[in-house]
Amino acid sequence: MNVTLNRKQLAELLRQKDTSNIRQAIKRGSLIEDKNKLIDLQNPANRDWLETQIQAGRQKGFIIDIDLNDAPAKPGGDKNTHQNINDELKRARTELVREQIQTAQLNREIAFGNYLKTSNIIEAVKIYLDQTMNVANTNLSNAATRFCQQHGIKNPEDVIQLKSKLTDTLNLAIESGRDEVLKSVERMVSEQIEKLATK
């Protein structure tokens, strides 16, 4: 029994989203189809291409549990190899369905407003802190003017110096707060990514 797969089966086996990579390989001559549009895994050219693709998939973190050394090089095949590939196809399909379900759940959560893009959160924090800084600087300037009037400070240079010191202190505090908030957001995102990766 020969071990042959169609394009869709091979794409599933390699955890590829569609058959475009396989189509390109056939066009280039790296992968050979027979007249029935089936790809024989025992063909040496196909085995070389497949080995490269399996290694690339493993580097991306996919567990592709197929050893091409088990596939007989001579025509005739064997049932164990065929069963191994069928089992791997089932596993690949299960992983694909699980990934599609997780993506659909995440999209649903986003649609219901339970998740926001990190860039949106960061932008909102920056706008809030910028507005806070603008309002605080205006109010601080007015408060400094009143303070100087109430305490008989009439020298314009002293008033300007007081306003400048207060404004600088406030701006430093807000900038420090901004940095801390952005670090917290990044930390929360990293923790969320780690949780998703372990599911």
C-alpha atoms as a PDB file:
ATOM      1  CA  MET A   1       0.000   0.000   0.000  1.00  0.00           C
ATOM      2  CA  ASN A   2       1.478   3.338  -1.046  1.00  0.00           C
ATOM      3  CA  VAL A   3       1.330   6.284   1.358  1.00  0.00           C
ATOM      4  CA  THR A   4      -0.319   9.032  -0.656  1.00  0.00           C
ATOM      5  CA  LEU A   5      -2.096  12.212   0.407  1.00  0.00           C
ATOM      6  CA  ASN A   6      -4.011  14.895  -1.411  1.00  0.00           C
ATOM      7  CA  ARG A   7      -3.041  18.566  -1.046  1.00  0.00           C
ATOM      8  CA  LYS A   8      -5.562  19.268   1.716  1.00  0.00           C
ATOM      9  CA  GLN A   9      -4.464  16.277   3.793  1.00  0.00           C
ATOM     10  CA  LEU A  10      -0.813  17.241   3.431  1.00  0.00           C
ATOM     11  CA  ALA A  11      -1.554  20.839   4.456  1.00  0.00           C
ATOM     12  CA  GLU A  12      -3.417  19.579   7.546  1.00  0.00           C
ATOM     13  CA  LEU A  13      -0.582  17.216   8.400  1.00  0.00           C
ATOM     14  CA  LEU A  14       1.913  20.099   8.256  1.00  0.00           C
ATOM     15  CA  ARG A  15      -0.402  22.451  10.241  1.00  0.00           C
ATOM     16  CA  GLN A  16      -0.642  24.840   7.297  1.00  0.00           C
ATOM     17  CA  LYS A  17      -3.754  27.027   7.016  1.00  0.00           C
ATOM     18  CA  ASP A  18      -4.267  26.364   3.309  1.00  0.00           C
ATOM     19  CA  THR A  19      -2.680  24.566   0.372  1.00  0.00           C
ATOM     20  CA  SER A  20      -0.908  27.594  -1.142  1.00  0.00           C
ATOM     21  CA  ASN A  21       2.553  26.484   0.054  1.00  0.00           C
ATOM     22  CA  ILE A  22       1.975  23.023  -1.392  1.00  0.00           C
ATOM     23  CA  ARG A  23       0.664  24.459  -4.673  1.00  0.00           C
ATOM     24  CA  GLN A  24       3.801  26.632  -4.986  1.00  0.00           C
ATOM     25  CA  ALA A  25       6.073  23.653  -4.253  1.00  0.00           C
ATOM     26  CA  ILE A  26       4.348  21.630  -6.976  1.00  0.00           C
ATOM     27  CA  LYS A  27       4.704  24.529  -9.410  1.00  0.00           C
ATOM     28  CA  ARG A  28       8.440  24.803  -8.610  1.00  0.00           C
ATOM     29  CA  GLY A  29       8.896  21.052  -8.958  1.00  0.00           C
ATOM     30  CA  SER A  30       9.927  20.572  -5.316  1.00  0.00           C
ATOM     31  CA  LEU A  31       6.870  18.382  -4.752  1.00  0.00           C
ATOM     32  CA  ILE A  32       5.529  15.872  -7.258  1.00  0.00           C
ATOM     33  CA  GLU A  33       1.875  14.899  -7.718  1.00  0.00           C
ATOM     34  CA  ASP A  34       0.734  11.879  -9.650  1.00  0.00           C
ATOM     35  CA  LYS A  35      -1.958  11.962 -12.362  1.00  0.00           C
ATOM     36  CA  ASN A  36      -4.655  11.566  -9.663  1.00  0.00           C
ATOM     37  CA  LYS A  37      -3.386  14.715  -7.896  1.00  0.00           C
ATOM     38  CA  LEU A  38      -1.982  12.644  -5.025  1.00  0.00           C
ATOM     39  CA  ILE A  39       1.403  13.130  -3.393  1.00  0.00           C
ATOM     40  CA  ASP A  40       3.384   9.967  -2.777  1.00  0.00           C
ATOM     41  CA  LEU A  41       5.377  10.252   0.453  1.00  0.00           C
ATOM     42  CA  GLN A  42       7.703   7.484  -0.732  1.00  0.00           C
ATOM     43  CA  ASN A  43       8.960   9.576  -3.655  1.00  0.00           C
ATOM     44  CA  PRO A  44      12.486  10.757  -2.685  1.00  0.00           C
ATOM     45  CA  ALA A  45      11.876  14.338  -3.919  1.00  0.00           C
ATOM     46  CA  ASN A  46       8.658  14.540  -1.908  1.00  0.00           C
ATOM     47  CA  ARG A  47      10.380  13.101   1.168  1.00  0.00           C
ATOM     48  CA  ASP A  48      13.111  15.771   0.991  1.00  0.00           C
ATOM     49  CA  TRP A  49      10.554  18.586   0.716  1.00  0.00           C
ATOM     50  CA  LEU A  50       8.417  17.077   3.495  1.00  0.00           C
ATOM     51  CA  GLU A  51      11.375  16.739   5.865  1.00  0.00           C
ATOM     52  CA  THR A  52      12.147  20.439   5.416  1.00  0.00           C
ATOM     53  CA  GLN A  53       8.510  21.374   6.072  1.00  0.00           C
ATOM     54  CA  ILE A  54       8.270  19.152   9.160  1.00  0.00           C
ATOM     55  CA  GLN A  55      11.400  20.759  10.615  1.00  0.00           C
ATOM     56  CA  ALA A  56       9.980  24.240   9.901  1.00  0.00           C
ATOM     57  CA  GLY A  57       6.703  23.279  11.599  1.00  0.00           C
ATOM     58  CA  ARG A  58       8.532  21.940  14.650  1.00  0.00           C
ATOM     59  CA  GLN A  59      10.506  25.190  14.905  1.00  0.00           C
ATOM     60  CA  LYS A  60       7.177  27.055  15.012  1.00  0.00           C
ATOM     61  CA  GLY A  61       6.147  24.877  17.957  1.00  0.00           C
ATOM     62  CA  PHE A  62       3.876  22.385  16.156  1.00  0.00           C
ATOM     63  CA  ILE A  63       4.159  18.809  17.317  1.00  0.00           C
ATOM     64  CA  ILE A  64       4.308  16.946  14.021  1.00  0.00           C
ATOM     65  CA  ASP A  65       4.689  13.341  15.092  1.00  0.00           C
ATOM     66  CA  ILE A  66       5.688  11.636  11.892  1.00  0.00           C
ATOM     67  CA  ASP A  67       9.034  10.110  11.123  1.00  0.00           C
ATOM     68  CA  LEU A  68       9.699   9.896   7.398  1.00  0.00           C
ATOM     69  CA  ASN A  69      12.322   7.251   8.095  1.00  0.00           C
ATOM     70  CA  ASP A  70       9.406   4.951   8.948  1.00  0.00           C
ATOM     71  CA  ALA A  71       7.993   5.432   5.448  1.00  0.00           C
ATOM     72  CA  PRO A  72       9.389   2.717   3.222  1.00  0.00           C
ATOM     73  CA  ALA A  73      11.501   3.924   0.330  1.00  0.00           C
ATOM     74  CA  LYS A  74      10.307   1.116  -1.940  1.00  0.00           C
ATOM     75  CA  PRO A  75       6.817   0.837  -3.444  1.00  0.00           C
ATOM     76  CA  GLY A  76       4.455  -1.394  -1.537  1.00  0.00           C
ATOM     77  CA  GLY A  77       4.320   0.613   1.680  1.00  0.00           C
ATOM     78  CA  ASP A  78       3.297  -0.811   4.998  1.00  0.00           C
ATOM     79  CA  LYS A  79       0.149  -0.596   7.113  1.00  0.00           C
ATOM     80  CA  ASN A  80       1.914   0.849  10.158  1.00  0.00           C
ATOM     81  CA  THR A  81       3.225   3.822   8.201  1.00  0.00           C
ATOM     82  CA  HIS A  82      -0.193   4.454   6.673  1.00  0.00           C
ATOM     83  CA  GLN A  83      -1.845   4.209  10.110  1.00  0.00           C
ATOM     84  CA  ASN A  84       0.805   6.528  11.590  1.00  0.00           C
ATOM     85  CA  ILE A  85      -0.022   9.163   8.957  1.00  0.00           C
ATOM     86  CA  ASN A  86      -3.782   8.720   9.459  1.00  0.00           C
ATOM     87  CA  ASP A  87      -3.340   9.133  13.224  1.00  0.00           C
ATOM     88  CA  GLU A  88      -1.253  12.255  12.661  1.00  0.00           C
ATOM     89  CA  LEU A  89      -3.908  13.671  10.307  1.00  0.00           C
ATOM     90  CA  LYS A  90      -6.566  13.155  12.998  1.00  0.00           C
ATOM     91  CA  ARG A  91      -4.335  14.896  15.550  1.00  0.00           C
ATOM     92  CA  ALA A  92      -3.698  17.774  13.138  1.00  0.00           C
ATOM     93  CA  ARG A  93      -7.421  18.211  12.492  1.00  0.00           C
ATOM     94  CA  THR A  94      -8.159  18.157  16.233  1.00  0.00           C
ATOM     95  CA  GLU A  95      -5.508  20.836  16.844  1.00  0.00           C
ATOM     96  CA  LEU A  96      -6.916  22.928  13.997  1.00  0.00           C
ATOM     97  CA  VAL A  97     -10.476  22.715  15.379  1.00  0.00           C
ATOM     98  CA  ARG A  98      -9.226  23.565  18.896  1.00  0.00           C
ATOM     99  CA  GLU A  99      -7.356  26.589  17.514  1.00  0.00           C
ATOM    100  CA  GLN A 100     -10.435  27.711  15.561  1.00  0.00           C
ATOM    101  CA  ILE A 101     -12.608  27.413  18.695  1.00  0.00           C
ATOM    102  CA  GLN A 102     -10.103  29.427  20.771  1.00  0.00           C
ATOM    103  CA  THR A 103      -9.957  32.119  18.085  1.00  0.00           C
ATOM    104  CA  ALA A 104     -13.770  32.260  17.908  1.00  0.00           C
ATOM    105  CA  GLN A 105     -14.008  32.518  21.726  1.00  0.00           C
ATOM    106  CA  LEU A 106     -11.428  35.309  21.807  1.00  0.00           C
ATOM    107  CA  ASN A 107     -13.219  37.201  19.013  1.00  0.00           C
ATOM    108  CA  ARG A 108     -16.487  36.829  20.943  1.00  0.00           C
ATOM    109  CA  GLU A 109     -14.876  38.172  24.124  1.00  0.00           C
ATOM    110  CA  ILE A 110     -13.437  41.115  22.173  1.00  0.00           C
ATOM    111  CA  ALA A 111     -16.838  41.788  20.578  1.00  0.00           C
ATOM    112  CA  PHE A 112     -18.477  41.872  24.029  1.00  0.00           C
ATOM    113  CA  GLY A 113     -15.833  44.309  25.253  1.00  0.00           C
ATOM    114  CA  ASN A 114     -14.107  41.916  27.649  1.00  0.00           C
ATOM    115  CA  TYR A 115     -10.758  42.417  25.959  1.00  0.00           C
ATOM    116  CA  LEU A 116      -9.094  45.472  24.470  1.00  0.00           C
ATOM    117  CA  LYS A 117      -6.018  45.729  22.316  1.00  0.00           C
ATOM    118  CA  THR A 118      -2.961  46.655  24.323  1.00  0.00           C
ATOM    119  CA  SER A 119      -2.336  49.617  22.022  1.00  0.00           C
ATOM    120  CA  ASN A 120      -5.837  50.972  22.841  1.00  0.00           C
ATOM    121  CA  ILE A 121      -5.204  50.705  26.580  1.00  0.00           C
ATOM    122  CA  ILE A 122      -1.819  52.423  26.295  1.00  0.00           C
ATOM    123  CA  GLU A 123      -3.305  55.203  24.153  1.00  0.00           C
ATOM    124  CA  ALA A 124      -6.124  55.756  26.678  1.00  0.00           C
ATOM    125  CA  VAL A 125      -3.631  55.937  29.562  1.00  0.00           C
ATOM    126  CA  LYS A 126      -1.478  58.456  27.680  1.00  0.00           C
ATOM    127  CA  ILE A 127      -4.482  60.663  26.842  1.00  0.00           C
ATOM    128  CA  TYR A 128      -5.681  60.544  30.449  1.00  0.00           C
ATOM    129  CA  LEU A 129      -2.276  61.474  31.848  1.00  0.00           C
ATOM    130  CA  ASP A 130      -1.759  64.247  29.270  1.00  0.00           C
ATOM    131  CA  GLN A 131      -5.154  65.743  30.148  1.00  0.00           C
ATOM    132  CA  THR A 132      -4.378  65.425  33.848  1.00  0.00           C
ATOM    133  CA  MET A 133      -1.054  67.198  33.325  1.00  0.00           C
ATOM    134  CA  ASN A 134      -2.652  70.059  31.345  1.00  0.00           C
ATOM    135  CA  VAL A 135      -5.451  70.642  33.868  1.00  0.00           C
ATOM    136  CA  ALA A 136      -3.096  70.292  36.834  1.00  0.00           C
ATOM    137  CA  ASN A 137      -0.563  72.743  35.366  1.00  0.00           C
ATOM    138  CA  THR A 138      -3.269  75.367  34.808  1.00  0.00           C
ATOM    139  CA  ASN A 139      -4.704  74.932  38.299  1.00  0.00           C
ATOM    140  CA  LEU A 140      -1.244  74.869  39.846  1.00  0.00           C
ATOM    141  CA  SER A 141      -0.296  78.098  38.102  1.00  0.00           C
ATOM    142  CA  ASN A 142      -3.460  79.798  39.400  1.00  0.00           C
ATOM    143  CA  ALA A 143      -2.880  78.427  42.907  1.00  0.00           C
ATOM    144  CA  ALA A 144       0.732  79.671  42.874  1.00  0.00           C
ATOM    145  CA  THR A 145      -0.443  83.153  41.850  1.00  0.00           C
ATOM    146  CA  ARG A 146      -3.002  83.232  44.697  1.00  0.00           C
ATOM    147  CA  PHE A 147      -0.418  81.943  47.164  1.00  0.00           C
ATOM    148  CA  CYS A 148       2.006  84.712  46.211  1.00  0.00           C
ATOM    149  CA  GLN A 149      -0.727  87.351  46.538  1.00  0.00           C
ATOM    150  CA  GLN A 150      -1.823  86.064  49.961  1.00  0.00           C
ATOM    151  CA  HIS A 151       1.729  85.970  51.287  1.00  0.00           C
ATOM    152  CA  GLY A 152       2.822  89.305  49.855  1.00  0.00           C
ATOM    153  CA  ILE A 153       5.270  87.888  47.319  1.00  0.00           C
ATOM    154  CA  LYS A 154       5.296  90.602  44.681  1.00  0.00           C
ATOM    155  CA  ASN A 155       8.588  90.076  42.907  1.00  0.00           C
ATOM    156  CA  PRO A 156       7.664  88.621  39.455  1.00  0.00           C
ATOM    157  CA  GLU A 157      10.815  86.501  39.354  1.00  0.00           C
ATOM    158  CA  ASP A 158       9.885  84.827  42.671  1.00  0.00           C
ATOM    159  CA  VAL A 159       6.371  84.113  41.392  1.00  0.00           C
ATOM    160  CA  ILE A 160       7.713  82.618  38.142  1.00  0.00           C
ATOM    161  CA  GLN A 161      10.270  80.557  40.031  1.00  0.00           C
ATOM    162  CA  LEU A 162       7.615  79.174  42.413  1.00  0.00           C
ATOM    163  CA  LYS A 163       5.297  78.290  39.506  1.00  0.00           C
ATOM    164  CA  SER A 164       8.172  76.627  37.650  1.00  0.00           C
ATOM    165  CA  LYS A 165       9.237  74.505  40.643  1.00  0.00           C
ATOM    166  CA  LEU A 166       5.673  73.371  41.342  1.00  0.00           C
ATOM    167  CA  THR A 167       5.027  72.588  37.667  1.00  0.00           C
ATOM    168  CA  ASP A 168       8.281  70.638  37.309  1.00  0.00           C
ATOM    169  CA  THR A 169       7.513  68.606  40.442  1.00  0.00           C
ATOM    170  CA  LEU A 170       4.023  67.781  39.195  1.00  0.00           C
ATOM    171  CA  ASN A 171       5.240  66.902  35.686  1.00  0.00           C
ATOM    172  CA  LEU A 172       7.888  64.560  37.098  1.00  0.00           C
ATOM    173  CA  ALA A 173       5.271  62.831  39.253  1.00  0.00           C
ATOM    174  CA  ILE A 174       2.899  62.388  36.300  1.00  0.00           C
ATOM    175  CA  GLU A 175       5.674  61.138  33.989  1.00  0.00           C
ATOM    176  CA  SER A 176       6.746  58.666  36.648  1.00  0.00           C
ATOM    177  CA  GLY A 177       3.127  57.537  37.010  1.00  0.00           C
ATOM    178  CA  ARG A 178       2.834  57.158  33.242  1.00  0.00           C
ATOM    179  CA  ASP A 179       5.942  54.948  33.120  1.00  0.00           C
ATOM    180  CA  GLU A 180       4.648  52.779  35.969  1.00  0.00           C
ATOM    181  CA  VAL A 181       1.218  52.376  34.362  1.00  0.00           C
ATOM    182  CA  LEU A 182       2.736  51.402  30.991  1.00  0.00           C
ATOM    183  CA  LYS A 183       5.044  48.882  32.696  1.00  0.00           C
ATOM    184  CA  SER A 184       2.008  47.417  34.509  1.00  0.00           C
ATOM    185  CA  VAL A 185       0.095  47.076  31.233  1.00  0.00           C
ATOM    186  CA  GLU A 186       3.062  45.342  29.585  1.00  0.00           C
ATOM    187  CA  ARG A 187       3.428  43.018  32.581  1.00  0.00           C
ATOM    188  CA  MET A 188      -0.298  42.140  32.498  1.00  0.00           C
ATOM    189  CA  VAL A 189      -0.106  41.419  28.760  1.00  0.00           C
ATOM    190  CA  SER A 190       2.944  39.171  29.261  1.00  0.00           C
ATOM    191  CA  GLU A 191       1.159  37.255  32.035  1.00  0.00           C
ATOM    192  CA  GLN A 192      -1.926  36.837  29.832  1.00  0.00           C
ATOM    193  CA  ILE A 193       0.196  35.538  26.937  1.00  0.00           C
ATOM    194  CA  GLU A 194       1.875  33.037  29.267  1.00  0.00           C
ATOM    195  CA  LYS A 195      -1.531  31.807  30.500  1.00  0.00           C
ATOM    196  CA  LEU A 196      -2.792  31.397  26.931  1.00  0.00           C
ATOM    197  CA  ALA A 197       0.376  29.555  25.938  1.00  0.00           C
ATOM    198  CA  THR A 198      -0.058  26.984  28.722  1.00  0.00           C
ATOM    199  CA  LYS A 199      -3.727  26.233  27.901  1.00  0.00           C
END
